PDB file of N, CA and C in Angstrom:
ATOM      1  N   MET A   1      45.773   5.017 -36.277  1.00  0.00           N
ATOM      2  CA  MET A   1      46.962   3.904 -36.369  1.00  0.00           C
ATOM      3  C   MET A   1      47.312   2.733 -35.680  1.00  0.00           C
ATOM      4  N   GLU A   2      47.828   1.602 -36.008  1.00  0.00           N
ATOM      5  CA  GLU A   2      47.381   0.674 -35.337  1.00  0.00           C
ATOM      6  C   GLU A   2      48.689   0.068 -35.087  1.00  0.00           C
ATOM      7  N   LEU A   3      49.415  -0.102 -34.335  1.00  0.00           N
ATOM      8  CA  LEU A   3      50.576  -1.183 -33.982  1.00  0.00           C
ATOM      9  C   LEU A   3      50.044  -2.534 -33.179  1.00  0.00           C
ATOM     10  N   VAL A   4      50.923  -3.024 -33.540  1.00  0.00           N
ATOM     11  CA  VAL A   4      51.045  -4.580 -33.195  1.00  0.00           C
ATOM     12  C   VAL A   4      52.276  -5.285 -32.785  1.00  0.00           C
ATOM     13  N   PRO A   5      52.029  -5.942 -31.584  1.00  0.00           N
ATOM     14  CA  PRO A   5      53.116  -5.868 -30.785  1.00  0.00           C
ATOM     15  C   PRO A   5      53.566  -7.352 -30.379  1.00  0.00           C
ATOM     16  N   SER A   6      54.733  -7.849 -30.253  1.00  0.00           N
ATOM     17  CA  SER A   6      55.025  -9.179 -30.105  1.00  0.00           C
ATOM     18  C   SER A   6      55.634  -9.867 -29.237  1.00  0.00           C
ATOM     19  N   LEU A   7      55.788 -11.135 -28.699  1.00  0.00           N
ATOM     20  CA  LEU A   7      56.435 -11.170 -27.344  1.00  0.00           C
ATOM     21  C   LEU A   7      58.376 -10.789 -28.172  1.00  0.00           C
ATOM     22  N   SER A   8      58.449 -10.665 -28.997  1.00  0.00           N
ATOM     23  CA  SER A   8      60.138  -9.928 -29.544  1.00  0.00           C
ATOM     24  C   SER A   8      59.925  -8.752 -29.343  1.00  0.00           C
ATOM     25  N   HIS A   9      58.741  -7.843 -29.729  1.00  0.00           N
ATOM     26  CA  HIS A   9      59.097  -6.277 -29.630  1.00  0.00           C
ATOM     27  C   HIS A   9      58.230  -6.245 -28.914  1.00  0.00           C
ATOM     28  N   CYS A  10      58.079  -5.102 -27.986  1.00  0.00           N
ATOM     29  CA  CYS A  10      57.453  -4.689 -27.044  1.00  0.00           C
ATOM     30  C   CYS A  10      56.595  -3.699 -27.524  1.00  0.00           C
ATOM     31  N   ILE A  11      55.365  -3.045 -27.195  1.00  0.00           N
ATOM     32  CA  ILE A  11      54.400  -1.863 -27.511  1.00  0.00           C
ATOM     33  C   ILE A  11      55.290  -1.064 -27.744  1.00  0.00           C
ATOM     34  N   GLU A  12      56.706  -0.124 -26.745  1.00  0.00           N
ATOM     35  CA  GLU A  12      57.162   0.784 -26.976  1.00  0.00           C
ATOM     36  C   GLU A  12      58.539   0.390 -28.168  1.00  0.00           C
ATOM     37  N   THR A  13      59.115  -1.211 -28.537  1.00  0.00           N
ATOM     38  CA  THR A  13      59.335  -0.645 -29.509  1.00  0.00           C
ATOM     39  C   THR A  13      59.182  -0.938 -30.656  1.00  0.00           C
ATOM     40  N   VAL A  14      57.815  -1.229 -30.561  1.00  0.00           N
ATOM     41  CA  VAL A  14      56.958  -0.974 -32.411  1.00  0.00           C
ATOM     42  C   VAL A  14      56.685   0.514 -32.157  1.00  0.00           C
ATOM     43  N   ALA A  15      56.471   0.939 -31.268  1.00  0.00           N
ATOM     44  CA  ALA A  15      56.089   2.610 -31.554  1.00  0.00           C
ATOM     45  C   ALA A  15      57.367   3.411 -31.984  1.00  0.00           C
ATOM     46  N   LYS A  16      58.429   3.135 -31.184  1.00  0.00           N
ATOM     47  CA  LYS A  16      59.397   3.709 -32.174  1.00  0.00           C
ATOM     48  C   LYS A  16      60.342   3.303 -33.497  1.00  0.00           C
ATOM     49  N   GLU A  17      60.228   2.273 -33.891  1.00  0.00           N
ATOM     50  CA  GLU A  17      59.823   1.559 -34.716  1.00  0.00           C
ATOM     51  C   GLU A  17      59.889   2.398 -35.897  1.00  0.00           C
ATOM     52  N   ALA A  18      57.723   1.967 -35.727  1.00  0.00           N
ATOM     53  CA  ALA A  18      57.265   2.895 -36.364  1.00  0.00           C
ATOM     54  C   ALA A  18      57.325   4.353 -37.012  1.00  0.00           C
ATOM     55  N   TYR A  19      57.943   5.299 -35.920  1.00  0.00           N
ATOM     56  CA  TYR A  19      58.166   6.471 -35.254  1.00  0.00           C
ATOM     57  C   TYR A  19      59.015   6.722 -36.751  1.00  0.00           C
ATOM     58  N   TRP A  20      59.996   6.117 -36.293  1.00  0.00           N
ATOM     59  CA  TRP A  20      61.657   6.344 -36.957  1.00  0.00           C
ATOM     60  C   TRP A  20      60.829   5.980 -38.350  1.00  0.00           C
ATOM     61  N   ASN A  21      60.720   5.143 -38.565  1.00  0.00           N
ATOM     62  CA  ASN A  21      60.549   4.830 -40.140  1.00  0.00           C
ATOM     63  C   ASN A  21      59.805   5.483 -40.765  1.00  0.00           C
ATOM     64  N   LEU A  22      58.495   6.240 -39.961  1.00  0.00           N
ATOM     65  CA  LEU A  22      58.001   7.484 -40.632  1.00  0.00           C
ATOM     66  C   LEU A  22      57.995   8.870 -41.039  1.00  0.00           C
ATOM     67  N   ALA A  23      59.300   9.423 -39.823  1.00  0.00           N
ATOM     68  CA  ALA A  23      60.435   9.817 -39.765  1.00  0.00           C
ATOM     69  C   ALA A  23      61.287  10.109 -40.882  1.00  0.00           C
ATOM     70  N   ASN A  24      62.264   8.604 -41.166  1.00  0.00           N
ATOM     71  CA  ASN A  24      63.095   8.708 -41.967  1.00  0.00           C
ATOM     72  C   ASN A  24      62.050   8.929 -44.091  1.00  0.00           C
ATOM     73  N   LYS A  25      60.796   8.490 -43.623  1.00  0.00           N
ATOM     74  CA  LYS A  25      60.325   8.408 -45.146  1.00  0.00           C
ATOM     75  C   LYS A  25      60.136   9.636 -45.189  1.00  0.00           C
ATOM     76  N   TYR A  26      59.863  10.591 -43.934  1.00  0.00           N
ATOM     77  CA  TYR A  26      59.223  12.230 -43.924  1.00  0.00           C
ATOM     78  C   TYR A  26      60.691  13.261 -44.308  1.00  0.00           C
ATOM     79  N   MET A  27      61.716  12.785 -43.931  1.00  0.00           N
ATOM     80  CA  MET A  27      62.346  13.153 -44.496  1.00  0.00           C
ATOM     81  C   MET A  27      63.367  12.637 -46.366  1.00  0.00           C
ATOM     82  N   GLU A  28      63.072  12.059 -46.537  1.00  0.00           N
ATOM     83  CA  GLU A  28      63.391  11.395 -47.770  1.00  0.00           C
ATOM     84  C   GLU A  28      62.242  11.895 -49.037  1.00  0.00           C
ATOM     85  N   GLY A  29      61.826  13.294 -49.019  1.00  0.00           N
ATOM     86  CA  GLY A  29      61.333  14.438 -49.703  1.00  0.00           C
ATOM     87  C   GLY A  29      59.857  14.224 -49.653  1.00  0.00           C
ATOM     88  N   GLU A  30      58.700  13.459 -48.441  1.00  0.00           N
ATOM     89  CA  GLU A  30      57.674  13.437 -48.110  1.00  0.00           C
ATOM     90  C   GLU A  30      57.022  14.708 -47.298  1.00  0.00           C
ATOM     91  N   ALA A  31      57.734  15.514 -47.209  1.00  0.00           N
ATOM     92  CA  ALA A  31      58.063  16.573 -46.064  1.00  0.00           C
ATOM     93  C   ALA A  31      56.957  17.263 -46.022  1.00  0.00           C
ATOM     94  N   GLY A  32      56.100  17.294 -47.387  1.00  0.00           N
ATOM     95  CA  GLY A  32      54.422  18.414 -47.651  1.00  0.00           C
ATOM     96  C   GLY A  32      53.890  17.295 -47.547  1.00  0.00           C
ATOM     97  N   ASP A  33      53.122  15.860 -46.843  1.00  0.00           N
ATOM     98  CA  ASP A  33      52.655  15.184 -47.022  1.00  0.00           C
ATOM     99  C   ASP A  33      51.951  15.574 -45.528  1.00  0.00           C
ATOM    100  N   LYS A  34      51.065  16.575 -44.795  1.00  0.00           N
ATOM    101  CA  LYS A  34      50.207  16.762 -43.974  1.00  0.00           C
ATOM    102  C   LYS A  34      49.855  15.137 -43.056  1.00  0.00           C
ATOM    103  N   GLU A  35      49.166  14.159 -44.264  1.00  0.00           N
ATOM    104  CA  GLU A  35      49.052  12.820 -43.270  1.00  0.00           C
ATOM    105  C   GLU A  35      50.584  12.506 -42.466  1.00  0.00           C
ATOM    106  N   LEU A  36      51.393  12.085 -43.076  1.00  0.00           N
ATOM    107  CA  LEU A  36      52.490  11.271 -42.781  1.00  0.00           C
ATOM    108  C   LEU A  36      52.950  12.587 -41.344  1.00  0.00           C
ATOM    109  N   ALA A  37      53.188  13.621 -41.824  1.00  0.00           N
ATOM    110  CA  ALA A  37      52.898  14.431 -40.466  1.00  0.00           C
ATOM    111  C   ALA A  37      52.293  14.546 -38.886  1.00  0.00           C
ATOM    112  N   GLY A  38      51.117  14.119 -39.196  1.00  0.00           N
ATOM    113  CA  GLY A  38      49.966  14.036 -38.057  1.00  0.00           C
ATOM    114  C   GLY A  38      50.276  12.096 -37.575  1.00  0.00           C
ATOM    115  N   GLN A  39      50.585  11.518 -38.655  1.00  0.00           N
ATOM    116  CA  GLN A  39      50.846  10.453 -37.817  1.00  0.00           C
ATOM    117  C   GLN A  39      52.360  10.172 -37.236  1.00  0.00           C
ATOM    118  N   ILE A  40      53.178  11.317 -37.418  1.00  0.00           N
ATOM    119  CA  ILE A  40      54.354  11.346 -36.587  1.00  0.00           C
ATOM    120  C   ILE A  40      54.109  11.553 -35.345  1.00  0.00           C
ATOM    121  N   GLU A  41      53.544  13.477 -34.882  1.00  0.00           N
ATOM    122  CA  GLU A  41      53.098  13.456 -34.439  1.00  0.00           C
ATOM    123  C   GLU A  41      52.092  12.604 -33.343  1.00  0.00           C
ATOM    124  N   LEU A  42      51.351  12.035 -33.852  1.00  0.00           N
ATOM    125  CA  LEU A  42      50.204  10.839 -33.005  1.00  0.00           C
ATOM    126  C   LEU A  42      51.425   9.887 -32.407  1.00  0.00           C
ATOM    127  N   LEU A  43      52.447   9.107 -32.761  1.00  0.00           N
ATOM    128  CA  LEU A  43      53.561   8.829 -32.780  1.00  0.00           C
ATOM    129  C   LEU A  43      54.432   9.017 -31.341  1.00  0.00           C
ATOM    130  N   LYS A  44      54.996  10.419 -31.620  1.00  0.00           N
ATOM    131  CA  LYS A  44      55.902  11.126 -30.637  1.00  0.00           C
ATOM    132  C   LYS A  44      54.895  11.290 -29.446  1.00  0.00           C
ATOM    133  N   ALA A  45      53.881  11.788 -29.212  1.00  0.00           N
ATOM    134  CA  ALA A  45      52.492  12.035 -28.091  1.00  0.00           C
ATOM    135  C   ALA A  45      52.616  10.579 -27.417  1.00  0.00           C
ATOM    136  N   PHE A  46      52.314   9.742 -28.660  1.00  0.00           N
ATOM    137  CA  PHE A  46      52.293   7.649 -28.095  1.00  0.00           C
ATOM    138  C   PHE A  46      53.305   7.898 -26.771  1.00  0.00           C
ATOM    139  N   LEU A  47      54.706   7.975 -27.194  1.00  0.00           N
ATOM    140  CA  LEU A  47      55.512   7.538 -27.296  1.00  0.00           C
ATOM    141  C   LEU A  47      56.188   8.958 -25.522  1.00  0.00           C
ATOM    142  N   GLU A  48      55.797   9.646 -25.828  1.00  0.00           N
ATOM    143  CA  GLU A  48      56.468  10.412 -24.667  1.00  0.00           C
ATOM    144  C   GLU A  48      55.067  10.699 -23.596  1.00  0.00           C
ATOM    145  N   ARG A  49      54.102  10.221 -23.466  1.00  0.00           N
ATOM    146  CA  ARG A  49      52.833  10.186 -22.473  1.00  0.00           C
ATOM    147  C   ARG A  49      52.748   8.628 -22.024  1.00  0.00           C
ATOM    148  N   MET A  50      52.496   7.833 -23.061  1.00  0.00           N
ATOM    149  CA  MET A  50      52.232   6.505 -22.260  1.00  0.00           C
ATOM    150  C   MET A  50      53.143   6.205 -21.369  1.00  0.00           C
ATOM    151  N   ASP A  51      52.380   4.652 -20.105  1.00  0.00           N
ATOM    152  CA  ASP A  51      52.784   4.349 -19.334  1.00  0.00           C
ATOM    153  C   ASP A  51      53.540   3.076 -19.661  1.00  0.00           C
ATOM    154  N   PHE A  52      54.354   2.386 -20.581  1.00  0.00           N
ATOM    155  CA  PHE A  52      54.622   1.049 -20.673  1.00  0.00           C
ATOM    156  C   PHE A  52      54.893   0.354 -20.237  1.00  0.00           C
ATOM    157  N   ARG A  53      55.285   0.785 -18.872  1.00  0.00           N
ATOM    158  CA  ARG A  53      55.403  -0.630 -18.593  1.00  0.00           C
ATOM    159  C   ARG A  53      54.023  -1.317 -18.130  1.00  0.00           C
ATOM    160  N   LYS A  54      52.680  -0.588 -17.777  1.00  0.00           N
ATOM    161  CA  LYS A  54      51.067  -1.094 -17.690  1.00  0.00           C
ATOM    162  C   LYS A  54      50.918  -1.527 -18.992  1.00  0.00           C
ATOM    163  N   LEU A  55      51.483  -0.572 -20.184  1.00  0.00           N
ATOM    164  CA  LEU A  55      50.679  -0.932 -21.559  1.00  0.00           C
ATOM    165  C   LEU A  55      51.324  -2.950 -21.853  1.00  0.00           C
ATOM    166  N   ARG A  56      53.144  -3.184 -22.016  1.00  0.00           N
ATOM    167  CA  ARG A  56      53.554  -4.641 -21.714  1.00  0.00           C
ATOM    168  C   ARG A  56      52.889  -5.118 -20.960  1.00  0.00           C
ATOM    169  N   SER A  57      52.627  -4.737 -19.940  1.00  0.00           N
ATOM    170  CA  SER A  57      51.740  -6.230 -18.614  1.00  0.00           C
ATOM    171  C   SER A  57      49.947  -6.356 -19.650  1.00  0.00           C
ATOM    172  N   GLU A  58      49.237  -4.936 -19.728  1.00  0.00           N
ATOM    173  CA  GLU A  58      48.409  -5.750 -20.230  1.00  0.00           C
ATOM    174  C   GLU A  58      48.460  -6.283 -21.407  1.00  0.00           C
ATOM    175  N   SER A  59      49.798  -6.204 -22.579  1.00  0.00           N
ATOM    176  CA  SER A  59      49.458  -6.763 -23.217  1.00  0.00           C
ATOM    177  C   SER A  59      49.757  -8.595 -23.437  1.00  0.00           C
ATOM    178  N   GLU A  60      50.762  -8.517 -22.673  1.00  0.00           N
ATOM    179  CA  GLU A  60      51.906  -9.535 -22.598  1.00  0.00           C
ATOM    180  C   GLU A  60      51.131 -10.589 -22.246  1.00  0.00           C
ATOM    181  N   LYS A  61      50.555 -11.051 -21.034  1.00  0.00           N
ATOM    182  CA  LYS A  61      49.747 -11.631 -20.339  1.00  0.00           C
ATOM    183  C   LYS A  61      49.086 -12.576 -21.781  1.00  0.00           C
ATOM    184  N   TYR A  62      48.047 -11.742 -23.131  1.00  0.00           N
ATOM    185  CA  TYR A  62      47.549 -12.370 -23.875  1.00  0.00           C
ATOM    186  C   TYR A  62      48.375 -12.773 -25.314  1.00  0.00           C
ATOM    187  N   LEU A  63      49.963 -12.490 -25.297  1.00  0.00           N
ATOM    188  CA  LEU A  63      50.594 -12.579 -26.170  1.00  0.00           C
ATOM    189  C   LEU A  63      51.675 -13.835 -25.754  1.00  0.00           C
ATOM    190  N   ILE A  64      51.648 -14.185 -24.702  1.00  0.00           N
ATOM    191  CA  ILE A  64      51.988 -15.690 -24.101  1.00  0.00           C
ATOM    192  C   ILE A  64      51.158 -16.330 -24.072  1.00  0.00           C
ATOM    193  N   GLN A  65      49.436 -16.306 -24.686  1.00  0.00           N
ATOM    194  CA  GLN A  65      48.976 -17.547 -24.251  1.00  0.00           C
ATOM    195  C   GLN A  65      48.910 -17.357 -26.083  1.00  0.00           C
ATOM    196  N   GLY A  66      49.517 -16.172 -27.036  1.00  0.00           N
ATOM    197  CA  GLY A  66      49.529 -16.736 -28.713  1.00  0.00           C
ATOM    198  C   GLY A  66      48.327 -15.732 -29.390  1.00  0.00           C
ATOM    199  N   LYS A  67      47.794 -14.838 -28.548  1.00  0.00           N
ATOM    200  CA  LYS A  67      47.135 -14.336 -29.077  1.00  0.00           C
ATOM    201  C   LYS A  67      47.946 -13.054 -29.302  1.00  0.00           C
ATOM    202  N   THR A  68      46.589 -12.535 -30.768  1.00  0.00           N
ATOM    203  CA  THR A  68      47.444 -11.012 -31.168  1.00  0.00           C
ATOM    204  C   THR A  68      46.772  -9.852 -30.426  1.00  0.00           C
ATOM    205  N   VAL A  69      47.935  -9.267 -30.292  1.00  0.00           N
ATOM    206  CA  VAL A  69      46.956  -7.963 -29.630  1.00  0.00           C
ATOM    207  C   VAL A  69      47.769  -6.555 -30.478  1.00  0.00           C
ATOM    208  N   LYS A  70      46.736  -5.959 -31.055  1.00  0.00           N
ATOM    209  CA  LYS A  70      46.763  -4.361 -31.433  1.00  0.00           C
ATOM    210  C   LYS A  70      46.331  -3.479 -30.597  1.00  0.00           C
ATOM    211  N   PHE A  71      47.558  -2.558 -30.626  1.00  0.00           N
ATOM    212  CA  PHE A  71      46.558  -1.271 -29.797  1.00  0.00           C
ATOM    213  C   PHE A  71      46.720  -0.200 -31.356  1.00  0.00           C
ATOM    214  N   MET A  72      45.594   0.403 -30.852  1.00  0.00           N
ATOM    215  CA  MET A  72      44.617   1.259 -32.265  1.00  0.00           C
ATOM    216  C   MET A  72      45.313   2.881 -31.031  1.00  0.00           C
ATOM    217  N   ILE A  73      45.935   3.353 -31.926  1.00  0.00           N
ATOM    218  CA  ILE A  73      45.935   4.790 -31.036  1.00  0.00           C
ATOM    219  C   ILE A  73      45.219   6.144 -31.276  1.00  0.00           C
ATOM    220  N   TYR A  74      45.059   7.260 -31.406  1.00  0.00           N
ATOM    221  CA  TYR A  74      44.457   7.795 -31.932  1.00  0.00           C
ATOM    222  C   TYR A  74      43.883   8.898 -31.058  1.00  0.00           C
ATOM    223  N   TRP A  75      43.702  10.474 -31.756  1.00  0.00           N
ATOM    224  CA  TRP A  75      43.241  11.468 -30.834  1.00  0.00           C
ATOM    225  C   TRP A  75      41.993  12.047 -30.558  1.00  0.00           C
ATOM    226  N   GLN A  76      41.614  11.802 -29.703  1.00  0.00           N
ATOM    227  CA  GLN A  76      40.164  12.010 -29.055  1.00  0.00           C
ATOM    228  C   GLN A  76      39.942  13.573 -29.187  1.00  0.00           C
ATOM    229  N   GLY A  77      40.091  14.385 -29.674  1.00  0.00           N
ATOM    230  CA  GLY A  77      39.916  15.880 -29.381  1.00  0.00           C
ATOM    231  C   GLY A  77      41.364  16.117 -29.608  1.00  0.00           C
ATOM    232  N   ASP A  78      41.381  16.751 -28.114  1.00  0.00           N
ATOM    233  CA  ASP A  78      42.893  17.132 -27.829  1.00  0.00           C
ATOM    234  C   ASP A  78      43.938  16.092 -27.075  1.00  0.00           C
ATOM    235  N   ASN A  79      43.052  15.021 -26.930  1.00  0.00           N
ATOM    236  CA  ASN A  79      43.920  14.016 -26.000  1.00  0.00           C
ATOM    237  C   ASN A  79      43.657  12.549 -26.777  1.00  0.00           C
ATOM    238  N   LEU A  80      45.175  11.759 -26.724  1.00  0.00           N
ATOM    239  CA  LEU A  80      45.605  10.964 -26.850  1.00  0.00           C
ATOM    240  C   LEU A  80      44.924   9.495 -26.248  1.00  0.00           C
ATOM    241  N   SER A  81      44.427   8.807 -27.264  1.00  0.00           N
ATOM    242  CA  SER A  81      43.578   7.966 -26.720  1.00  0.00           C
ATOM    243  C   SER A  81      44.151   6.807 -27.552  1.00  0.00           C
ATOM    244  N   TYR A  82      43.680   5.303 -26.652  1.00  0.00           N
ATOM    245  CA  TYR A  82      44.340   4.595 -27.544  1.00  0.00           C
ATOM    246  C   TYR A  82      43.165   2.905 -26.998  1.00  0.00           C
ATOM    247  N   ASP A  83      43.203   1.685 -28.072  1.00  0.00           N
ATOM    248  CA  ASP A  83      42.422   0.910 -27.357  1.00  0.00           C
ATOM    249  C   ASP A  83      43.270  -0.425 -28.172  1.00  0.00           C
ATOM    250  N   MET A  84      43.303  -1.482 -27.044  1.00  0.00           N
ATOM    251  CA  MET A  84      43.773  -2.901 -26.929  1.00  0.00           C
ATOM    252  C   MET A  84      42.740  -3.479 -27.805  1.00  0.00           C
ATOM    253  N   VAL A  85      42.800  -4.114 -28.739  1.00  0.00           N
ATOM    254  CA  VAL A  85      42.356  -5.363 -29.193  1.00  0.00           C
ATOM    255  C   VAL A  85      43.038  -6.327 -28.806  1.00  0.00           C
ATOM    256  N   VAL A  86      42.425  -7.458 -28.592  1.00  0.00           N
ATOM    257  CA  VAL A  86      42.970  -9.262 -28.794  1.00  0.00           C
ATOM    258  C   VAL A  86      42.451  -9.852 -29.606  1.00  0.00           C
ATOM    259  N   SER A  87      43.241 -10.681 -30.125  1.00  0.00           N
ATOM    260  CA  SER A  87      41.569 -11.475 -31.018  1.00  0.00           C
ATOM    261  C   SER A  87      42.410 -13.065 -31.119  1.00  0.00           C
TER     262      SER A  87
END
């Protein structure tokens, strides 16, 4: 899953918005969608486990330079992982 923060929306805010958007979609009748449920679980784990102060610090220095930052979050086995891509 890809999350793209900006100077006005930090990675934590972007993750929370994505989580609630998916949760609302799930509750609106797509509750049988296993892929959607998996994305919700991934975001929930990301929100619970990440050190957002560290992630903001890592990403904001690039955002200030006008670069695009993307966080790719995923499961690596049973472990939550992420890659930060700067372009």
